[in-house]
C-alpha atoms as a PDB file:
ATOM      1  CA  MET A   1     109.600  85.423 102.279  1.00  0.00           C
ATOM      2  CA  SER A   2     107.033  83.280 100.367  1.00  0.00           C
ATOM      3  CA  VAL A   3     104.914  86.082  98.838  1.00  0.00           C
ATOM      4  CA  GLU A   4     104.780  86.448  95.080  1.00  0.00           C
ATOM      5  CA  VAL A   5     103.965  89.318  92.727  1.00  0.00           C
ATOM      6  CA  GLY A   6     100.330  89.427  91.728  1.00  0.00           C
ATOM      7  CA  ALA A   7      99.160  87.525  95.033  1.00  0.00           C
ATOM      8  CA  VAL A   8      96.077  89.181  96.583  1.00  0.00           C
ATOM      9  CA  LEU A   9      96.298  88.973 100.177  1.00  0.00           C
ATOM     10  CA  LYS A  10      94.565  90.282 103.563  1.00  0.00           C
ATOM     11  CA  GLY A  11      96.084  92.117 106.197  1.00  0.00           C
ATOM     12  CA  LYS A  12      96.001  94.598 108.981  1.00  0.00           C
ATOM     13  CA  VAL A  13      97.249  98.256 109.003  1.00  0.00           C
ATOM     14  CA  THR A  14     100.048  98.302 111.834  1.00  0.00           C
ATOM     15  CA  GLY A  15     101.349 101.836 111.235  1.00  0.00           C
ATOM     16  CA  ILE A  16     100.733 104.919 109.206  1.00  0.00           C
ATOM     17  CA  GLN A  17     103.260 107.433 108.027  1.00  0.00           C
ATOM     18  CA  SER A  18     102.982 110.430 105.663  1.00  0.00           C
ATOM     19  CA  PHE A  19     104.419 108.407 102.984  1.00  0.00           C
ATOM     20  CA  GLY A  20     102.385 105.261 103.413  1.00  0.00           C
ATOM     21  CA  ALA A  21     100.887 102.521 105.523  1.00  0.00           C
ATOM     22  CA  PHE A  22     102.486  99.503 106.884  1.00  0.00           C
ATOM     23  CA  VAL A  23     100.445  96.159 106.800  1.00  0.00           C
ATOM     24  CA  ALA A  24     100.941  92.963 108.609  1.00  0.00           C
ATOM     25  CA  LEU A  25     100.010  90.258 106.038  1.00  0.00           C
ATOM     26  CA  GLU A  26      97.907  87.381 107.118  1.00  0.00           C
ATOM     27  CA  GLY A  27     100.045  84.168 107.233  1.00  0.00           C
ATOM     28  CA  GLN A  28     103.304  85.925 106.858  1.00  0.00           C
ATOM     29  CA  GLU A  29     106.036  86.854 109.349  1.00  0.00           C
ATOM     30  CA  THR A  30     106.944  90.209 107.475  1.00  0.00           C
ATOM     31  CA  GLN A  31     105.188  93.278 106.908  1.00  0.00           C
ATOM     32  CA  GLY A  32     104.629  95.228 103.637  1.00  0.00           C
ATOM     33  CA  LEU A  33     104.221  98.847 102.648  1.00  0.00           C
ATOM     34  CA  ILE A  34     101.408 100.587 100.813  1.00  0.00           C
ATOM     35  CA  HIS A  35     102.901 103.740  99.381  1.00  0.00           C
ATOM     36  CA  ILE A  36     100.587 106.770  99.502  1.00  0.00           C
ATOM     37  CA  SER A  37     100.338 106.666  95.851  1.00  0.00           C
ATOM     38  CA  GLU A  38      98.975 103.116  95.845  1.00  0.00           C
ATOM     39  CA  VAL A  39      96.126 103.812  98.322  1.00  0.00           C
ATOM     40  CA  SER A  40      93.605 104.961  95.997  1.00  0.00           C
ATOM     41  CA  ASN A  41      93.003 105.606  92.202  1.00  0.00           C
ATOM     42  CA  THR A  42      92.337 109.363  93.190  1.00  0.00           C
ATOM     43  CA  TYR A  43      94.938 111.814  94.620  1.00  0.00           C
ATOM     44  CA  VAL A  44      95.655 111.153  98.356  1.00  0.00           C
ATOM     45  CA  LYS A  45      96.767 114.172 100.153  1.00  0.00           C
ATOM     46  CA  ASP A  46      96.334 112.789 103.601  1.00  0.00           C
ATOM     47  CA  ILE A  47      96.577 109.102 103.864  1.00  0.00           C
ATOM     48  CA  ASN A  48      94.704 109.090 107.349  1.00  0.00           C
ATOM     49  CA  GLU A  49      91.517 110.064 105.285  1.00  0.00           C
ATOM     50  CA  PHE A  50      91.572 106.502 103.703  1.00  0.00           C
ATOM     51  CA  LEU A  51      93.313 104.113 106.192  1.00  0.00           C
ATOM     52  CA  THR A  52      93.355 103.929 110.078  1.00  0.00           C
ATOM     53  CA  VAL A  53      95.717 101.671 112.256  1.00  0.00           C
ATOM     54  CA  GLY A  54      94.013  98.223 112.924  1.00  0.00           C
ATOM     55  CA  GLN A  55      91.942  98.452 109.759  1.00  0.00           C
ATOM     56  CA  GLU A  56      91.611  95.289 107.871  1.00  0.00           C
ATOM     57  CA  VAL A  57      92.579  95.613 104.187  1.00  0.00           C
ATOM     58  CA  GLU A  58      92.902  93.717 101.004  1.00  0.00           C
ATOM     59  CA  VAL A  59      96.027  94.326  99.017  1.00  0.00           C
ATOM     60  CA  LYS A  60      97.737  93.096  96.030  1.00  0.00           C
ATOM     61  CA  VAL A  61     101.508  92.425  95.935  1.00  0.00           C
ATOM     62  CA  ILE A  62     103.165  94.689  93.346  1.00  0.00           C
ATOM     63  CA  LYS A  63     107.009  94.092  94.042  1.00  0.00           C
ATOM     64  CA  VAL A  64     108.917  91.872  96.286  1.00  0.00           C
ATOM     65  CA  ASP A  65     112.549  92.729  97.087  1.00  0.00           C
ATOM     66  CA  THR A  66     114.039  89.752  98.853  1.00  0.00           C
ATOM     67  CA  GLU A  67     117.493  91.379  99.289  1.00  0.00           C
ATOM     68  CA  LYS A  68     116.010  94.203 101.235  1.00  0.00           C
ATOM     69  CA  ASN A  69     113.063  92.053 102.702  1.00  0.00           C
ATOM     70  CA  LYS A  70     110.653  94.482 101.444  1.00  0.00           C
ATOM     71  CA  ILE A  71     107.133  94.025 100.096  1.00  0.00           C
ATOM     72  CA  SER A  72     105.411  96.573  98.103  1.00  0.00           C
ATOM     73  CA  LEU A  73     101.653  96.679  98.270  1.00  0.00           C
ATOM     74  CA  SER A  74      98.646  98.317  96.551  1.00  0.00           C
ATOM     75  CA  ILE A  75      95.043  98.695  97.420  1.00  0.00           C
ATOM     76  CA  ARG A  76      94.753 100.870  94.096  1.00  0.00           C
ATOM     77  CA  ALA A  77      95.525  97.725  92.002  1.00  0.00           C
ATOM     78  CA  LEU A  78      92.383  96.078  93.300  1.00  0.00           C
ATOM     79  CA  MET A  79      90.104  99.043  92.310  1.00  0.00           C
ATOM     80  CA  PRO A  80      88.183  99.438  89.126  1.00  0.00           C
ATOM     81  CA  ASN A  81      89.561 101.916  86.551  1.00  0.00           C
ATOM     82  CA  PRO A  82      88.066 105.471  87.307  1.00  0.00           C
ATOM     83  CA  GLU A  83      85.278 106.520  84.687  1.00  0.00           C
ATOM     84  CA  GLY A  84      86.701 107.615  81.230  1.00  0.00           C
ATOM     85  CA  ASP A  85      89.758 105.412  81.650  1.00  0.00           C
ATOM     86  CA  LYS A  86      89.418 103.146  78.822  1.00  0.00           C
ATOM     87  CA  ALA A  87      92.779 101.161  79.015  1.00  0.00           C
ATOM     88  CA  PRO A  88      93.662  99.071  82.002  1.00  0.00           C
ATOM     89  CA  LYS A  89      96.600 100.465  83.901  1.00  0.00           C
ATOM     90  CA  LYS A  90      99.709  98.313  83.614  1.00  0.00           C
ATOM     91  CA  GLU A  91     101.107  96.855  86.756  1.00  0.00           C
ATOM     92  CA  ARG A  92     104.684  97.828  87.791  1.00  0.00           C
ATOM     93  CA  SER A  93     106.039  94.390  86.916  1.00  0.00           C
ATOM     94  CA  GLU A  94     104.583  94.803  83.322  1.00  0.00           C
ATOM     95  CA  ARG A  95     106.055  98.113  82.657  1.00  0.00           C
ATOM     96  CA  ALA A  96     109.351  98.539  80.698  1.00  0.00           C
ATOM     97  CA  PRO A  97     112.404  99.310  83.027  1.00  0.00           C
ATOM     98  CA  ARG A  98     113.038 103.012  83.227  1.00  0.00           C
ATOM     99  CA  GLY A  99     116.429 102.893  81.080  1.00  0.00           C
ATOM    100  CA  ASP A 100     114.465 101.103  78.310  1.00  0.00           C
ATOM    101  CA  ARG A 101     111.597 103.650  77.900  1.00  0.00           C
ATOM    102  CA  LYS A 102     111.600 105.851  74.975  1.00  0.00           C
ATOM    103  CA  ARG A 103     111.747 109.454  75.914  1.00  0.00           C
ATOM    104  CA  ASN A 104     109.193 112.026  74.758  1.00  0.00           C
ATOM    105  CA  THR A 105     111.067 113.752  72.012  1.00  0.00           C
ATOM    106  CA  LEU A 106     108.122 115.829  70.969  1.00  0.00           C
ATOM    107  CA  GLY A 107     109.371 119.279  70.159  1.00  0.00           C
ATOM    108  CA  ALA A 108     112.991 118.062  71.017  1.00  0.00           C
ATOM    109  CA  ARG A 109     113.966 117.416  67.260  1.00  0.00           C
ATOM    110  CA  LYS A 110     117.450 118.703  66.479  1.00  0.00           C
ATOM    111  CA  ARG A 111     117.072 121.462  63.954  1.00  0.00           C
ATOM    112  CA  ALA A 112     119.870 123.392  61.828  1.00  0.00           C
ATOM    113  CA  PRO A 113     120.219 126.803  63.392  1.00  0.00           C
ATOM    114  CA  GLN A 114     118.362 129.241  61.754  1.00  0.00           C
ATOM    115  CA  GLN A 115     120.030 131.972  59.708  1.00  0.00           C
ATOM    116  CA  PHE A 116     118.773 135.320  59.812  1.00  0.00           C
ATOM    117  CA  GLN A 117     119.221 137.924  57.195  1.00  0.00           C
ATOM    118  CA  SER A 118     118.845 141.600  58.210  1.00  0.00           C
ATOM    119  CA  GLU A 119     118.550 144.653  56.337  1.00  0.00           C
ATOM    120  CA  PRO A 120     121.012 147.555  57.055  1.00  0.00           C
ATOM    121  CA  ASP A 121     119.443 149.867  59.576  1.00  0.00           C
ATOM    122  CA  GLN A 122     119.294 153.742  58.976  1.00  0.00           C
ATOM    123  CA  GLU A 123     122.986 153.945  59.930  1.00  0.00           C
ATOM    124  CA  GLY A 124     124.137 151.238  57.580  1.00  0.00           C
ATOM    125  CA  TYR A 125     124.718 148.473  60.084  1.00  0.00           C
ATOM    126  CA  SER A 126     123.299 145.129  59.353  1.00  0.00           C
ATOM    127  CA  THR A 127     124.176 143.454  62.701  1.00  0.00           C
ATOM    128  CA  LEU A 128     125.158 144.383  66.079  1.00  0.00           C
ATOM    129  CA  ALA A 129     128.559 143.033  65.528  1.00  0.00           C
ATOM    130  CA  ASP A 130     129.141 145.432  62.679  1.00  0.00           C
ATOM    131  CA  ALA A 131     128.142 148.249  64.867  1.00  0.00           C
ATOM    132  CA  LEU A 132     130.498 147.123  67.791  1.00  0.00           C
ATOM    133  CA  LYS A 133     133.320 146.700  65.312  1.00  0.00           C
ATOM    134  CA  GLU A 134     133.198 150.098  64.065  1.00  0.00           C
ATOM    135  CA  ALA A 135     132.700 151.774  67.562  1.00  0.00           C
ATOM    136  CA  MET A 136     135.890 149.963  68.753  1.00  0.00           C
ATOM    137  CA  GLY A 137     137.677 150.986  65.576  1.00  0.00           C
ATOM    138  CA  LYS A 138     138.167 147.696  64.003  1.00  0.00           C
END
């Protein structure tokens, strides 16, 4: 496999599944896959609304797995950012590996348990435990 990540290639859609489209790349002996999430910069419910078998497409190589002989392709990576999106999106190869990403800890801070002080009720019990202890005769 002589395909490099970041290369922009032309190809022809050879098959469509619910999860993506297979593309025969020009000048390559292998096919690549455009995952449904890489077809457009908008939500894609049905890939058949965007691609058809035999259609010529221009794609960007976003991942190459030589061990599994798989090539991941993207049409979305070649599209301009949607309106209102100011920062360019990072390519998969530029992102930190999943294990190295910081988790969103907003609201997940460790806090000391709250201590509640309750006033005795009309019967003189300040907690449910006190009422249970007396009811059980302890």
